[in-house]
């Protein structure tokens, strides 16, 4: 029957006599290195505690939220002003284009009116002229 009394080796110094077993990392340590191992774990948990406290402070700060909300409000107002300016420019451009088109249409219409009147008074028109005037009226309607 084989012996199960094998000495454990310290994970740090690789010497026999490992008398303490860490159930977290599953390693054996001599007394000196077991104390160091526990100190390292204590430092790690202290660091976690500090990070935890910093996060708690960050979560409790309301001024960060207020600052972001103010920034969003400013962005909203600037966006509204920009949109209003663009809308006013579009209205102005549309009105100018509409007036220009209407004036051009009126000039063409007045010219057609005079042409039809002149031909009618002189009785100097044919089917070709009538078709041309009908087509011109259709174009002006569009």
N, C-alpha and C. Protein backbone atom coordinates (compact mmCIF):
# COMPACT_ATOMS: atom_id res chain seq x y z
N UNK A 1 0.83 -1.17 0.00
CA UNK A 1 0.00 0.00 0.00
C UNK A 1 0.88 1.24 0.00
N UNK A 2 0.58 2.22 -0.90
CA UNK A 2 1.40 3.41 -1.02
C UNK A 2 1.10 4.38 0.10
N UNK A 3 2.10 5.15 0.46
CA UNK A 3 1.96 6.11 1.56
C UNK A 3 1.35 7.39 1.02
N UNK A 4 0.43 7.97 1.75
CA UNK A 4 -0.20 9.23 1.37
C UNK A 4 0.35 10.38 2.19
N UNK A 5 1.42 10.15 2.90
CA UNK A 5 2.00 11.19 3.74
C UNK A 5 3.08 11.96 2.99
N UNK A 6 2.82 12.35 1.76
CA UNK A 6 3.80 13.12 1.00
C UNK A 6 3.80 14.55 1.53
N UNK A 7 5.01 15.09 1.71
CA UNK A 7 5.11 16.46 2.21
C UNK A 7 4.69 17.43 1.10
N UNK A 8 3.93 18.40 1.50
CA UNK A 8 3.53 19.45 0.55
C UNK A 8 4.67 20.44 0.39
N UNK A 9 4.83 20.97 -0.80
CA UNK A 9 5.89 21.93 -1.09
C UNK A 9 5.28 23.32 -1.10
N UNK A 10 5.97 24.29 -0.54
CA UNK A 10 5.51 25.69 -0.51
C UNK A 10 5.49 26.23 -1.94
N UNK A 11 4.39 26.83 -2.32
CA UNK A 11 4.23 27.36 -3.67
C UNK A 11 5.16 28.54 -3.95
N UNK A 12 5.68 29.19 -2.92
CA UNK A 12 6.56 30.36 -3.10
C UNK A 12 8.03 29.98 -3.10
N UNK A 13 8.45 29.22 -2.12
CA UNK A 13 9.89 28.94 -1.99
C UNK A 13 10.26 27.53 -2.44
N UNK A 14 9.28 26.74 -2.83
CA UNK A 14 9.49 25.37 -3.31
C UNK A 14 10.24 24.49 -2.31
N UNK A 15 10.10 24.81 -1.06
CA UNK A 15 10.72 23.98 -0.02
C UNK A 15 9.63 23.15 0.63
N UNK A 16 10.05 22.05 1.18
CA UNK A 16 9.12 21.18 1.87
C UNK A 16 8.64 21.84 3.16
N UNK A 17 7.69 21.26 3.72
CA UNK A 17 7.20 21.76 4.99
C UNK A 17 6.01 22.67 4.82
N UNK A 18 5.34 22.58 3.67
CA UNK A 18 4.14 23.37 3.49
C UNK A 18 3.09 22.92 4.49
N UNK A 19 2.78 23.77 5.41
CA UNK A 19 1.88 23.36 6.47
C UNK A 19 0.51 23.99 6.37
N UNK A 20 0.37 25.00 5.51
CA UNK A 20 -0.92 25.67 5.40
C UNK A 20 -1.41 25.57 3.96
N UNK A 21 -2.66 25.26 3.82
CA UNK A 21 -3.27 25.09 2.49
C UNK A 21 -4.27 26.22 2.28
N UNK A 22 -4.16 26.91 1.15
CA UNK A 22 -5.14 27.94 0.79
C UNK A 22 -6.22 27.25 -0.02
N UNK A 23 -7.43 27.29 0.50
CA UNK A 23 -8.54 26.61 -0.19
C UNK A 23 -9.06 27.43 -1.38
N UNK A 24 -8.62 28.71 -1.48
CA UNK A 24 -9.03 29.54 -2.61
C UNK A 24 -8.24 29.21 -3.86
N UNK A 25 -6.90 29.23 -3.74
CA UNK A 25 -6.04 28.97 -4.90
C UNK A 25 -5.52 27.54 -4.92
N UNK A 26 -5.84 26.79 -3.89
CA UNK A 26 -5.47 25.38 -3.80
C UNK A 26 -3.96 25.17 -3.77
N UNK A 27 -3.21 26.08 -3.13
CA UNK A 27 -1.76 25.93 -3.02
C UNK A 27 -1.36 25.80 -1.55
N UNK A 28 -0.23 25.13 -1.34
CA UNK A 28 0.32 24.96 0.01
C UNK A 28 1.42 25.99 0.23
N UNK A 29 1.55 26.45 1.46
CA UNK A 29 2.56 27.46 1.80
C UNK A 29 3.22 27.09 3.12
N UNK A 30 4.49 27.52 3.27
CA UNK A 30 5.12 27.45 4.58
C UNK A 30 4.52 28.58 5.41
N UNK A 31 4.81 28.60 6.69
CA UNK A 31 4.19 29.59 7.57
C UNK A 31 4.49 31.01 7.10
N UNK A 32 5.73 31.30 6.79
CA UNK A 32 6.13 32.64 6.36
C UNK A 32 5.37 33.07 5.11
N UNK A 33 5.32 32.20 4.12
CA UNK A 33 4.67 32.57 2.85
C UNK A 33 3.15 32.53 2.94
N UNK A 34 2.63 31.75 3.86
CA UNK A 34 1.18 31.76 4.06
C UNK A 34 0.75 33.12 4.60
N UNK A 35 1.53 33.66 5.54
CA UNK A 35 1.24 34.99 6.09
C UNK A 35 1.32 36.04 4.97
N UNK A 36 2.35 35.96 4.11
CA UNK A 36 2.48 36.89 2.98
C UNK A 36 1.30 36.75 2.02
N UNK A 37 0.91 35.52 1.76
CA UNK A 37 -0.23 35.25 0.87
C UNK A 37 -1.49 35.91 1.42
N UNK A 38 -1.71 35.77 2.71
CA UNK A 38 -2.89 36.37 3.34
C UNK A 38 -2.80 37.90 3.29
N UNK A 39 -1.58 38.45 3.44
CA UNK A 39 -1.41 39.91 3.35
C UNK A 39 -1.73 40.40 1.93
N UNK A 40 -1.32 39.64 0.92
CA UNK A 40 -1.64 39.99 -0.46
C UNK A 40 -3.15 39.99 -0.67
N UNK A 41 -3.81 38.97 -0.12
CA UNK A 41 -5.27 38.91 -0.24
C UNK A 41 -5.91 40.10 0.48
N UNK A 42 -5.36 40.47 1.63
CA UNK A 42 -5.88 41.63 2.38
C UNK A 42 -5.71 42.91 1.57
N UNK A 43 -4.56 43.06 0.90
CA UNK A 43 -4.34 44.24 0.06
C UNK A 43 -5.33 44.27 -1.10
N UNK A 44 -5.58 43.11 -1.69
CA UNK A 44 -6.53 43.04 -2.80
C UNK A 44 -7.93 43.42 -2.35
N UNK A 45 -8.35 42.92 -1.19
CA UNK A 45 -9.70 43.25 -0.72
C UNK A 45 -9.77 44.71 -0.30
N UNK A 46 -8.66 45.28 0.22
CA UNK A 46 -8.63 46.71 0.53
C UNK A 46 -8.80 47.53 -0.75
N UNK A 47 -8.13 47.11 -1.82
CA UNK A 47 -8.25 47.80 -3.11
C UNK A 47 -9.69 47.72 -3.62
N UNK A 48 -10.28 46.55 -3.49
CA UNK A 48 -11.68 46.39 -3.90
C UNK A 48 -12.57 47.32 -3.09
N UNK A 49 -12.30 47.41 -1.79
CA UNK A 49 -13.08 48.31 -0.93
C UNK A 49 -12.95 49.76 -1.37
N UNK A 50 -11.75 50.17 -1.75
CA UNK A 50 -11.54 51.54 -2.22
C UNK A 50 -12.30 51.80 -3.52
N UNK A 51 -12.21 50.85 -4.45
CA UNK A 51 -12.95 50.98 -5.72
C UNK A 51 -14.45 51.04 -5.46
N UNK A 52 -14.90 50.23 -4.52
CA UNK A 52 -16.31 50.21 -4.14
C UNK A 52 -16.74 51.57 -3.60
N UNK A 53 -15.91 52.15 -2.72
CA UNK A 53 -16.22 53.46 -2.14
C UNK A 53 -16.24 54.55 -3.20
N UNK A 54 -15.29 54.49 -4.14
CA UNK A 54 -15.26 55.48 -5.22
C UNK A 54 -16.51 55.39 -6.09
N UNK A 55 -16.91 54.17 -6.38
CA UNK A 55 -18.12 53.99 -7.18
C UNK A 55 -19.34 54.52 -6.44
N UNK A 56 -19.40 54.26 -5.14
CA UNK A 56 -20.52 54.75 -4.33
C UNK A 56 -20.56 56.28 -4.38
N UNK A 57 -19.40 56.92 -4.27
CA UNK A 57 -19.34 58.38 -4.34
C UNK A 57 -19.81 58.88 -5.71
N UNK A 58 -19.35 58.21 -6.75
CA UNK A 58 -19.76 58.61 -8.10
C UNK A 58 -21.27 58.47 -8.28
N UNK A 59 -21.83 57.40 -7.75
CA UNK A 59 -23.26 57.18 -7.90
C UNK A 59 -24.08 58.18 -7.10
N UNK A 60 -23.52 58.69 -6.02
CA UNK A 60 -24.28 59.62 -5.18
C UNK A 60 -24.16 61.06 -5.64
N UNK A 61 -23.28 61.33 -6.58
CA UNK A 61 -23.11 62.71 -7.06
C UNK A 61 -24.23 63.07 -8.02
N UNK A 62 -25.04 64.02 -7.62
CA UNK A 62 -26.14 64.47 -8.47
C UNK A 62 -25.70 65.58 -9.43
N UNK A 63 -24.62 66.29 -9.09
CA UNK A 63 -24.21 67.39 -9.96
C UNK A 63 -23.81 66.89 -11.34
N UNK A 64 -23.33 65.66 -11.44
CA UNK A 64 -23.01 65.11 -12.75
C UNK A 64 -24.27 65.02 -13.60
N UNK A 65 -25.33 64.55 -13.01
CA UNK A 65 -26.60 64.43 -13.73
C UNK A 65 -27.10 65.81 -14.11
N UNK A 66 -27.06 66.74 -13.16
CA UNK A 66 -27.52 68.09 -13.44
C UNK A 66 -26.71 68.73 -14.57
N UNK A 67 -25.42 68.51 -14.56
CA UNK A 67 -24.55 69.06 -15.60
C UNK A 67 -24.95 68.51 -16.97
N UNK A 68 -25.20 67.22 -17.03
CA UNK A 68 -25.60 66.61 -18.30
C UNK A 68 -26.97 67.13 -18.74
N UNK A 69 -27.89 67.28 -17.79
CA UNK A 69 -29.22 67.77 -18.14
C UNK A 69 -29.15 69.21 -18.65
N UNK A 70 -28.32 70.03 -18.05
CA UNK A 70 -28.13 71.40 -18.53
C UNK A 70 -27.56 71.38 -19.94
N UNK A 71 -26.60 70.51 -20.17
CA UNK A 71 -26.00 70.39 -21.50
C UNK A 71 -27.05 69.96 -22.53
N UNK A 72 -27.89 69.03 -22.16
CA UNK A 72 -28.96 68.57 -23.07
C UNK A 72 -29.94 69.70 -23.34
N UNK A 73 -30.30 70.47 -22.30
CA UNK A 73 -31.21 71.60 -22.47
C UNK A 73 -30.62 72.63 -23.44
N UNK A 74 -29.32 72.92 -23.29
CA UNK A 74 -28.66 73.87 -24.19
C UNK A 74 -28.66 73.34 -25.62
N UNK A 75 -28.35 72.07 -25.76
CA UNK A 75 -28.36 71.45 -27.09
C UNK A 75 -29.75 71.54 -27.72
N UNK A 76 -30.78 71.30 -26.89
CA UNK A 76 -32.16 71.36 -27.39
C UNK A 76 -32.48 72.77 -27.89
N UNK A 77 -32.15 73.79 -27.10
CA UNK A 77 -32.44 75.17 -27.49
C UNK A 77 -31.68 75.56 -28.76
N UNK A 78 -30.42 75.18 -28.83
CA UNK A 78 -29.62 75.48 -30.03
C UNK A 78 -30.21 74.78 -31.25
N UNK A 79 -30.65 73.55 -31.06
CA UNK A 79 -31.24 72.79 -32.18
C UNK A 79 -32.54 73.44 -32.63
N UNK A 80 -33.35 73.87 -31.68
CA UNK A 80 -34.62 74.52 -32.02
C UNK A 80 -34.35 75.80 -32.80
N UNK A 81 -33.38 76.60 -32.34
CA UNK A 81 -33.04 77.84 -33.05
C UNK A 81 -32.55 77.54 -34.47
N UNK A 82 -31.72 76.52 -34.60
CA UNK A 82 -31.21 76.15 -35.92
C UNK A 82 -32.35 75.72 -36.83
N UNK A 83 -33.25 74.91 -36.30
CA UNK A 83 -34.40 74.44 -37.10
C UNK A 83 -35.29 75.62 -37.48
N UNK A 84 -35.53 76.53 -36.53
CA UNK A 84 -36.37 77.70 -36.84
C UNK A 84 -35.72 78.57 -37.92
N UNK A 85 -34.41 78.74 -37.84
CA UNK A 85 -33.70 79.52 -38.85
C UNK A 85 -33.81 78.84 -40.22
N UNK A 86 -33.60 77.53 -40.24
CA UNK A 86 -33.71 76.78 -41.51
C UNK A 86 -35.13 76.86 -42.07
N UNK A 87 -36.12 76.75 -41.19
CA UNK A 87 -37.51 76.81 -41.64
C UNK A 87 -37.83 78.19 -42.21
N UNK A 88 -37.35 79.25 -41.55
CA UNK A 88 -37.59 80.60 -42.05
C UNK A 88 -36.89 80.81 -43.38
N UNK A 89 -35.67 80.31 -43.51
CA UNK A 89 -34.97 80.40 -44.80
C UNK A 89 -35.72 79.66 -45.89
N UNK A 90 -36.26 78.50 -45.55
CA UNK A 90 -37.03 77.72 -46.53
C UNK A 90 -38.29 78.48 -46.94
N UNK A 91 -38.97 79.11 -45.97
CA UNK A 91 -40.17 79.89 -46.29
C UNK A 91 -39.82 81.04 -47.24
N UNK A 92 -38.75 81.75 -46.91
CA UNK A 92 -38.33 82.89 -47.72
C UNK A 92 -37.97 82.45 -49.13
N UNK A 93 -37.18 81.39 -49.23
CA UNK A 93 -36.78 80.87 -50.54
C UNK A 93 -38.00 80.41 -51.33
N UNK A 94 -38.91 79.70 -50.66
CA UNK A 94 -40.11 79.23 -51.34
C UNK A 94 -40.95 80.41 -51.83
N UNK A 95 -41.13 81.42 -50.97
CA UNK A 95 -41.94 82.58 -51.35
C UNK A 95 -41.33 83.29 -52.55
N UNK A 96 -40.00 83.45 -52.54
CA UNK A 96 -39.33 84.10 -53.67
C UNK A 96 -39.50 83.28 -54.95
N UNK A 97 -39.30 81.98 -54.84
CA UNK A 97 -39.45 81.10 -56.01
C UNK A 97 -40.89 81.11 -56.51
N UNK A 98 -41.83 81.08 -55.59
CA UNK A 98 -43.25 81.11 -55.95
C UNK A 98 -43.57 82.42 -56.68
N UNK A 99 -43.12 83.53 -56.12
CA UNK A 99 -43.39 84.84 -56.75
C UNK A 99 -42.73 84.93 -58.12
N UNK A 100 -41.50 84.44 -58.23
CA UNK A 100 -40.79 84.48 -59.51
C UNK A 100 -41.54 83.64 -60.55
N UNK A 101 -41.93 82.44 -60.15
CA UNK A 101 -42.66 81.55 -61.06
C UNK A 101 -43.99 82.16 -61.46
N UNK A 102 -44.67 82.74 -60.48
CA UNK A 102 -45.97 83.37 -60.75
C UNK A 102 -45.80 84.54 -61.72
N UNK A 103 -44.76 85.34 -61.54
CA UNK A 103 -44.51 86.47 -62.45
C UNK A 103 -44.18 85.99 -63.85
N UNK A 104 -43.33 84.96 -63.94
CA UNK A 104 -43.00 84.41 -65.25
C UNK A 104 -44.24 83.84 -65.93
N UNK A 105 -45.07 83.18 -65.16
CA UNK A 105 -46.31 82.61 -65.69
C UNK A 105 -47.24 83.73 -66.16
N UNK A 106 -47.33 84.80 -65.38
CA UNK A 106 -48.20 85.92 -65.75
C UNK A 106 -47.71 86.57 -67.05
N UNK A 107 -46.39 86.72 -67.18
CA UNK A 107 -45.84 87.30 -68.41
C UNK A 107 -46.17 86.42 -69.61
N UNK A 108 -45.97 85.11 -69.46
CA UNK A 108 -46.28 84.17 -70.55
C UNK A 108 -47.78 84.19 -70.86
N UNK A 109 -48.60 84.24 -69.81
CA UNK A 109 -50.04 84.23 -69.99
C UNK A 109 -50.50 85.52 -70.67
N UNK A 110 -49.96 86.65 -70.24
CA UNK A 110 -50.33 87.93 -70.87
C UNK A 110 -49.93 87.95 -72.34
N UNK A 111 -48.77 87.40 -72.65
CA UNK A 111 -48.31 87.33 -74.03
C UNK A 111 -49.26 86.46 -74.86
N UNK A 112 -49.66 85.29 -74.29
CA UNK A 112 -50.60 84.40 -74.98
C UNK A 112 -51.95 85.09 -75.16
N UNK A 113 -52.41 85.79 -74.14
CA UNK A 113 -53.69 86.50 -74.20
C UNK A 113 -53.68 87.52 -75.34
N UNK A 114 -52.62 88.28 -75.42
CA UNK A 114 -52.52 89.29 -76.47
C UNK A 114 -52.46 88.64 -77.86
N UNK A 115 -51.71 87.54 -77.95
CA UNK A 115 -51.59 86.84 -79.24
C UNK A 115 -52.95 86.31 -79.69
N UNK A 116 -53.69 85.67 -78.77
CA UNK A 116 -55.01 85.14 -79.12
C UNK A 116 -55.95 86.28 -79.51
N UNK A 117 -55.92 87.36 -78.76
CA UNK A 117 -56.78 88.52 -79.04
C UNK A 117 -56.48 89.08 -80.44
N UNK A 118 -55.20 89.23 -80.73
CA UNK A 118 -54.81 89.78 -82.03
C UNK A 118 -55.27 88.88 -83.17
N UNK A 119 -55.05 87.59 -83.03
CA UNK A 119 -55.47 86.66 -84.09
C UNK A 119 -56.99 86.61 -84.22
N UNK A 120 -57.68 86.69 -83.11
CA UNK A 120 -59.14 86.62 -83.13
C UNK A 120 -59.70 87.85 -83.84
N UNK A 121 -59.16 89.01 -83.53
CA UNK A 121 -59.66 90.25 -84.14
C UNK A 121 -59.37 90.29 -85.65
N UNK A 122 -58.30 89.69 -86.05
CA UNK A 122 -57.94 89.72 -87.47
C UNK A 122 -58.48 88.52 -88.24
N UNK A 123 -59.10 87.62 -87.55
CA UNK A 123 -59.59 86.37 -88.16
C UNK A 123 -58.50 85.66 -88.94
N UNK A 124 -57.28 85.73 -88.40
CA UNK A 124 -56.14 85.16 -89.10
C UNK A 124 -55.56 84.01 -88.27
N UNK A 125 -56.34 82.97 -88.08
CA UNK A 125 -55.86 81.80 -87.32
C UNK A 125 -56.38 80.53 -87.99
N UNK A 126 -55.64 79.44 -87.70
CA UNK A 126 -55.99 78.14 -88.27
C UNK A 126 -56.04 77.11 -87.14
N UNK A 127 -56.31 75.88 -87.56
CA UNK A 127 -56.31 74.79 -86.59
C UNK A 127 -54.94 74.62 -85.93
N UNK A 128 -53.90 74.86 -86.69
CA UNK A 128 -52.54 74.75 -86.16
C UNK A 128 -52.34 75.75 -85.02
N UNK A 129 -52.83 76.98 -85.21
CA UNK A 129 -52.72 78.00 -84.16
C UNK A 129 -53.53 77.59 -82.92
N UNK A 130 -54.70 77.07 -83.14
CA UNK A 130 -55.56 76.66 -82.01
C UNK A 130 -54.90 75.53 -81.23
N UNK A 131 -54.34 74.55 -81.93
CA UNK A 131 -53.65 73.43 -81.25
C UNK A 131 -52.46 73.96 -80.46
N UNK A 132 -51.72 74.91 -81.06
CA UNK A 132 -50.56 75.50 -80.38
C UNK A 132 -51.01 76.22 -79.11
N UNK A 133 -52.11 76.96 -79.17
CA UNK A 133 -52.59 77.70 -77.99
C UNK A 133 -53.11 76.75 -76.91
N UNK A 134 -53.76 75.67 -77.34
CA UNK A 134 -54.22 74.67 -76.36
C UNK A 134 -53.03 74.05 -75.64
N UNK A 135 -51.99 73.70 -76.42
CA UNK A 135 -50.78 73.13 -75.81
C UNK A 135 -50.12 74.12 -74.86
N UNK A 136 -50.07 75.38 -75.28
CA UNK A 136 -49.47 76.40 -74.42
C UNK A 136 -50.26 76.56 -73.13
N UNK A 137 -51.58 76.55 -73.22
CA UNK A 137 -52.42 76.64 -72.02
C UNK A 137 -52.19 75.45 -71.09
N UNK A 138 -52.04 74.26 -71.67
CA UNK A 138 -51.77 73.07 -70.85
C UNK A 138 -50.43 73.21 -70.12
N UNK A 139 -49.43 73.71 -70.85
CA UNK A 139 -48.11 73.91 -70.24
C UNK A 139 -48.19 74.93 -69.10
N UNK A 140 -48.92 75.99 -69.33
CA UNK A 140 -49.04 77.02 -68.29
C UNK A 140 -49.78 76.49 -67.06
N UNK A 141 -50.72 75.59 -67.26
CA UNK A 141 -51.45 74.99 -66.12
C UNK A 141 -50.55 74.14 -65.25
N UNK A 142 -49.58 73.51 -65.89
CA UNK A 142 -48.70 72.62 -65.13
C UNK A 142 -47.70 73.45 -64.38
